Amino acid sequence: MTTHKGLFIGQSASSTRIFTAEEIAAYTALTGDTSFNEGVIPGPMLGGMISDLLGTRVPGRGTMWLKQSYIFAAPAFVGEAITATVEISRFRPEKDLVYLNAQCVNPQGQVICRGETLVFVADLESARS
């Protein structure tokens, strides 16, 4: 099994969240972003779910998010239980890089967004101690 800094290919983490209309309104007030339809969760808020997993679960504390690429296949709606998942797909251990597949799905299992993210984990061990 290929491992790096205690991480392994296939390691994953998930979380589920229900966004409220009030949270969407707060996002709009904070960012000024009104480019989405009412009742739809803005893409950056879904990205925040993925960011939370990267920084708190897999790889964990000390992770530095370098790059992301997502395709948004369907809208996510306020009041739906959206599940975000990240899964380690490969390593570049000589550069402390970890690639992860990421996705968000709705309660029906429909993929809302999917893509790949790249993180730097040089300080991961010191952050875990």
Protein backbone atom coordinates (compact mmCIF):
# COMPACT_ATOMS: atom_id res chain seq x y z
CA MET A 1 0.00 0.00 0.00
CA THR A 2 1.35 3.42 -0.96
CA THR A 3 1.44 5.81 1.99
CA HIS A 4 2.77 9.27 2.71
CA LYS A 5 2.83 11.00 6.10
CA GLY A 6 0.35 8.47 7.49
CA LEU A 7 -2.05 8.95 4.56
CA PHE A 8 -2.98 6.26 2.02
CA ILE A 9 -4.51 5.99 -1.44
CA GLY A 10 -8.27 5.52 -1.09
CA GLN A 11 -8.45 7.23 2.30
CA SER A 12 -11.60 9.35 2.38
CA ALA A 13 -13.80 11.56 4.51
CA SER A 14 -17.36 12.83 4.11
CA SER A 15 -19.68 15.30 5.77
CA THR A 16 -23.29 16.26 5.25
CA ARG A 17 -24.81 19.69 5.66
CA ILE A 18 -28.12 21.43 5.07
CA PHE A 19 -27.76 25.07 4.02
CA THR A 20 -30.45 27.56 5.05
CA ALA A 21 -31.84 30.59 3.23
CA GLU A 22 -30.30 32.74 5.98
CA GLU A 23 -26.83 31.35 5.27
CA ILE A 24 -27.24 32.05 1.55
CA ALA A 25 -28.34 35.61 2.37
CA ALA A 26 -25.28 36.06 4.63
CA TYR A 27 -23.03 34.75 1.83
CA THR A 28 -24.61 37.23 -0.62
CA ALA A 29 -24.22 40.12 1.82
CA LEU A 30 -20.59 39.23 2.50
CA THR A 31 -19.49 38.65 -1.10
CA GLY A 32 -21.93 40.66 -3.19
CA ASP A 33 -22.30 37.55 -5.38
CA THR A 34 -25.80 37.46 -6.86
CA SER A 35 -24.95 35.32 -9.90
CA PHE A 36 -27.03 32.33 -8.76
CA ASN A 37 -30.76 31.64 -8.73
CA GLU A 38 -32.78 32.05 -5.56
CA GLY A 39 -32.92 28.84 -3.55
CA VAL A 40 -29.71 27.51 -5.12
CA ILE A 41 -26.55 27.02 -3.06
CA PRO A 42 -23.63 29.00 -4.57
CA GLY A 43 -20.69 26.90 -5.76
CA PRO A 44 -18.18 28.53 -3.39
CA MET A 45 -20.27 27.37 -0.42
CA LEU A 46 -20.03 23.79 -1.70
CA GLY A 47 -16.29 24.35 -2.14
CA GLY A 48 -16.22 25.39 1.51
CA MET A 49 -17.53 21.96 2.49
CA ILE A 50 -14.62 20.38 0.62
CA SER A 51 -12.15 22.82 2.15
CA ASP A 52 -13.43 21.91 5.61
CA LEU A 53 -12.81 18.20 4.95
CA LEU A 54 -9.30 18.87 3.63
CA GLY A 55 -8.29 20.97 6.63
CA THR A 56 -9.93 18.96 9.38
CA ARG A 57 -10.15 15.32 8.26
CA VAL A 58 -8.19 14.18 5.17
CA PRO A 59 -5.36 15.10 4.94
CA GLY A 60 -6.06 17.17 8.08
CA ARG A 61 -4.54 20.05 10.05
CA GLY A 62 -1.62 21.67 8.30
CA THR A 63 -2.97 21.04 4.80
CA MET A 64 -2.38 23.86 2.31
CA TRP A 65 -4.90 23.92 -0.55
CA LEU A 66 -3.03 24.67 -3.80
CA LYS A 67 -5.36 23.97 -6.70
CA GLN A 68 -8.90 22.90 -7.45
CA SER A 69 -10.89 22.02 -10.54
CA TYR A 70 -14.63 21.31 -10.40
CA ILE A 71 -17.45 20.64 -12.80
CA PHE A 72 -20.87 21.66 -11.53
CA ALA A 73 -23.28 19.14 -13.03
CA ALA A 74 -26.52 20.10 -11.27
CA PRO A 75 -27.81 22.69 -8.82
CA ALA A 76 -27.89 22.10 -5.07
CA PHE A 77 -30.90 23.56 -3.29
CA VAL A 78 -31.44 25.20 0.08
CA GLY A 79 -32.86 22.68 2.53
CA GLU A 80 -31.28 19.62 0.85
CA ALA A 81 -28.81 17.46 2.75
CA ILE A 82 -25.66 17.83 0.64
CA THR A 83 -22.85 15.32 1.23
CA ALA A 84 -19.27 16.29 0.35
CA THR A 85 -16.60 13.61 0.00
CA VAL A 86 -12.84 13.74 -0.60
CA GLU A 87 -10.71 10.70 -1.44
CA ILE A 88 -6.94 10.50 -1.87
CA SER A 89 -6.15 9.41 -5.43
CA ARG A 90 -2.35 9.77 -5.64
CA PHE A 91 0.79 11.22 -4.07
CA ARG A 92 3.92 13.05 -5.19
CA PRO A 93 5.85 12.35 -1.98
CA GLU A 94 9.07 14.04 -3.17
CA LYS A 95 7.13 17.34 -3.20
CA ASP A 96 4.71 16.59 -0.31
CA LEU A 97 1.75 16.80 -2.72
CA VAL A 98 -1.51 14.89 -2.35
CA TYR A 99 -4.19 14.69 -5.04
CA LEU A 100 -7.77 14.05 -4.02
CA ASN A 101 -11.00 13.44 -5.89
CA ALA A 102 -13.86 15.47 -4.49
CA GLN A 103 -17.59 15.52 -5.00
CA CYS A 104 -20.85 16.76 -3.57
CA VAL A 105 -24.09 14.79 -3.94
CA ASN A 106 -27.73 15.51 -3.11
CA PRO A 107 -30.03 13.19 -1.12
CA GLN A 108 -30.97 11.30 -4.30
CA GLY A 109 -27.29 10.50 -4.94
CA GLN A 110 -27.08 12.86 -7.91
CA VAL A 111 -23.62 14.38 -8.32
CA ILE A 112 -23.85 18.17 -7.86
CA CYS A 113 -20.15 18.82 -8.44
CA ARG A 114 -17.07 16.71 -8.92
CA GLY A 115 -13.43 17.37 -9.50
CA GLU A 116 -9.89 17.15 -8.27
CA THR A 117 -7.96 19.09 -5.69
CA LEU A 118 -4.24 19.33 -4.97
CA VAL A 119 -2.85 19.99 -1.50
CA PHE A 120 0.58 20.46 0.06
CA VAL A 121 1.19 18.48 3.27
CA ALA A 122 4.77 19.31 4.34
CA ASP A 123 3.63 20.56 7.77
CA LEU A 124 0.98 17.90 8.29
CA GLU A 125 2.85 15.84 10.88
CA SER A 126 3.77 18.83 13.04
CA ALA A 127 0.16 20.03 12.90
CA ARG A 128 -1.08 16.60 14.07
CA SER A 129 1.18 16.47 17.14
